[in-house]
């Protein structure tokens, strides 16, 4: 992974983080997705 790819990846992450804020009614869904992804990461570790 080179520097450009890393930068694009970070930009994509930031963009996906901003989306739930633009859709407040979907905040709970975003929170649930975030928490479940956190759980799956800790299970893998």
Foldseek 3Di string as FASTA:
>chain_A
DDPVVVVVVVVVVVVVVCVCVVVVVCVVVVVVVVVVVVVVVVVVD
